[in-house]
C-alpha atoms as a PDB file:
ATOM      1  CA  UNK A   1       0.046  -0.146  -0.040  1.00  0.00           C
ATOM      2  CA  UNK A   2       1.280   3.394  -0.855  1.00  0.00           C
ATOM      3  CA  UNK A   3      -0.140   6.789  -0.622  1.00  0.00           C
ATOM      4  CA  UNK A   4      -0.109   9.804  -2.996  1.00  0.00           C
ATOM      5  CA  UNK A   5      -1.898  13.335  -2.235  1.00  0.00           C
ATOM      6  CA  UNK A   6      -4.220  15.308  -4.431  1.00  0.00           C
ATOM      7  CA  UNK A   7      -1.574  17.728  -4.869  1.00  0.00           C
ATOM      8  CA  UNK A   8       0.841  14.970  -6.196  1.00  0.00           C
ATOM      9  CA  UNK A   9      -1.490  14.075  -8.639  1.00  0.00           C
ATOM     10  CA  UNK A  10      -2.179  17.608  -9.865  1.00  0.00           C
ATOM     11  CA  UNK A  11      -4.969  18.789  -7.507  1.00  0.00           C
ATOM     12  CA  UNK A  12      -5.044  21.642  -5.339  1.00  0.00           C
ATOM     13  CA  UNK A  13      -5.168  19.901  -1.720  1.00  0.00           C
ATOM     14  CA  UNK A  14      -3.397  17.406   0.486  1.00  0.00           C
ATOM     15  CA  UNK A  15      -6.059  14.793   0.639  1.00  0.00           C
ATOM     16  CA  UNK A  16      -4.303  11.373   0.931  1.00  0.00           C
ATOM     17  CA  UNK A  17      -5.184   8.715  -1.678  1.00  0.00           C
ATOM     18  CA  UNK A  18      -4.148   4.906  -0.746  1.00  0.00           C
ATOM     19  CA  UNK A  19      -3.718   2.084  -2.996  1.00  0.00           C
ATOM     20  CA  UNK A  20      -1.914  -0.985  -3.945  1.00  0.00           C
ATOM     21  CA  UNK A  21      -1.132  -0.002  -7.290  1.00  0.00           C
ATOM     22  CA  UNK A  22      -1.051   3.467  -9.220  1.00  0.00           C
ATOM     23  CA  UNK A  23      -4.508   2.701 -10.838  1.00  0.00           C
ATOM     24  CA  UNK A  24      -6.315   2.682  -7.589  1.00  0.00           C
ATOM     25  CA  UNK A  25      -4.655   5.854  -6.638  1.00  0.00           C
ATOM     26  CA  UNK A  26      -5.630   7.485  -9.929  1.00  0.00           C
ATOM     27  CA  UNK A  27      -9.242   6.208  -9.410  1.00  0.00           C
ATOM     28  CA  UNK A  28      -9.394   7.553  -6.043  1.00  0.00           C
ATOM     29  CA  UNK A  29      -8.170  10.914  -7.386  1.00  0.00           C
ATOM     30  CA  UNK A  30     -10.681  11.130 -10.185  1.00  0.00           C
ATOM     31  CA  UNK A  31     -13.579  10.264  -7.725  1.00  0.00           C
ATOM     32  CA  UNK A  32     -12.177  12.983  -5.315  1.00  0.00           C
ATOM     33  CA  UNK A  33     -11.954  15.545  -7.827  1.00  0.00           C
ATOM     34  CA  UNK A  34     -15.450  14.784  -9.046  1.00  0.00           C
ATOM     35  CA  UNK A  35     -16.973  14.791  -5.427  1.00  0.00           C
ATOM     36  CA  UNK A  36     -15.307  18.082  -4.411  1.00  0.00           C
ATOM     37  CA  UNK A  37     -16.583  19.710  -7.513  1.00  0.00           C
ATOM     38  CA  UNK A  38     -20.125  18.419  -7.142  1.00  0.00           C
ATOM     39  CA  UNK A  39     -19.981  19.737  -3.542  1.00  0.00           C
ATOM     40  CA  UNK A  40     -19.350  23.173  -4.758  1.00  0.00           C
ATOM     41  CA  UNK A  41     -15.520  23.397  -4.152  1.00  0.00           C
ATOM     42  CA  UNK A  42     -14.426  25.548  -6.948  1.00  0.00           C
ATOM     43  CA  UNK A  43     -10.441  25.004  -6.237  1.00  0.00           C
ATOM     44  CA  UNK A  44     -10.811  21.573  -7.556  1.00  0.00           C
ATOM     45  CA  UNK A  45     -12.532  22.303 -10.690  1.00  0.00           C
ATOM     46  CA  UNK A  46      -9.598  23.081 -12.964  1.00  0.00           C
ATOM     47  CA  UNK A  47      -7.918  19.850 -11.624  1.00  0.00           C
ATOM     48  CA  UNK A  48     -11.279  17.920 -12.669  1.00  0.00           C
ATOM     49  CA  UNK A  49     -11.413  19.599 -16.024  1.00  0.00           C
ATOM     50  CA  UNK A  50      -7.678  18.651 -16.451  1.00  0.00           C
ATOM     51  CA  UNK A  51      -8.392  14.994 -15.532  1.00  0.00           C
ATOM     52  CA  UNK A  52     -11.415  14.804 -18.120  1.00  0.00           C
ATOM     53  CA  UNK A  53      -9.316  16.394 -20.696  1.00  0.00           C
ATOM     54  CA  UNK A  54      -6.529  13.677 -20.290  1.00  0.00           C
ATOM     55  CA  UNK A  55      -8.647  11.015 -21.489  1.00  0.00           C
ATOM     56  CA  UNK A  56     -10.043  13.112 -24.276  1.00  0.00           C
ATOM     57  CA  UNK A  57      -6.516  13.419 -25.550  1.00  0.00           C
ATOM     58  CA  UNK A  58      -4.918   9.896 -25.293  1.00  0.00           C
ATOM     59  CA  UNK A  59      -1.481  10.754 -26.276  1.00  0.00           C
ATOM     60  CA  UNK A  60      -0.772  13.414 -23.851  1.00  0.00           C
ATOM     61  CA  UNK A  61      -3.006  11.630 -21.275  1.00  0.00           C
ATOM     62  CA  UNK A  62      -0.651   8.779 -21.530  1.00  0.00           C
ATOM     63  CA  UNK A  63       2.287  10.836 -20.636  1.00  0.00           C
ATOM     64  CA  UNK A  64       0.630  11.959 -17.532  1.00  0.00           C
ATOM     65  CA  UNK A  65      -0.504   8.442 -16.737  1.00  0.00           C
ATOM     66  CA  UNK A  66       3.106   6.973 -17.068  1.00  0.00           C
ATOM     67  CA  UNK A  67       4.510   9.749 -15.060  1.00  0.00           C
ATOM     68  CA  UNK A  68       1.944   9.191 -12.437  1.00  0.00           C
ATOM     69  CA  UNK A  69       2.982   5.503 -12.713  1.00  0.00           C
ATOM     70  CA  UNK A  70       6.592   6.119 -12.074  1.00  0.00           C
ATOM     71  CA  UNK A  71       5.873   8.600  -9.001  1.00  0.00           C
ATOM     72  CA  UNK A  72       3.861   5.984  -7.418  1.00  0.00           C
ATOM     73  CA  UNK A  73       6.505   3.425  -7.735  1.00  0.00           C
ATOM     74  CA  UNK A  74       9.177   5.471  -6.435  1.00  0.00           C
ATOM     75  CA  UNK A  75       7.210   5.953  -3.136  1.00  0.00           C
ATOM     76  CA  UNK A  76       7.818   3.836  -0.293  1.00  0.00           C
ATOM     77  CA  UNK A  77       5.486   1.615   1.114  1.00  0.00           C
ATOM     78  CA  UNK A  78       3.157   2.915   4.063  1.00  0.00           C
END
């Protein structure tokens, strides 16, 4: 299990996301951004829009995804 924060994944806060692999953490970040924006937290809107945009632009989105995987792999276990 490893931990990455919203900020480490491109967001504006230090909410911690835990996961056994990078995909779990990325999924948690995606849900966190959606929930924050739905609750009216405008500080998360730009990060949420960027997250949506990554999946609309597969080539540049994969660059971000691979970097997130490398960053996750470099973290120590919790």
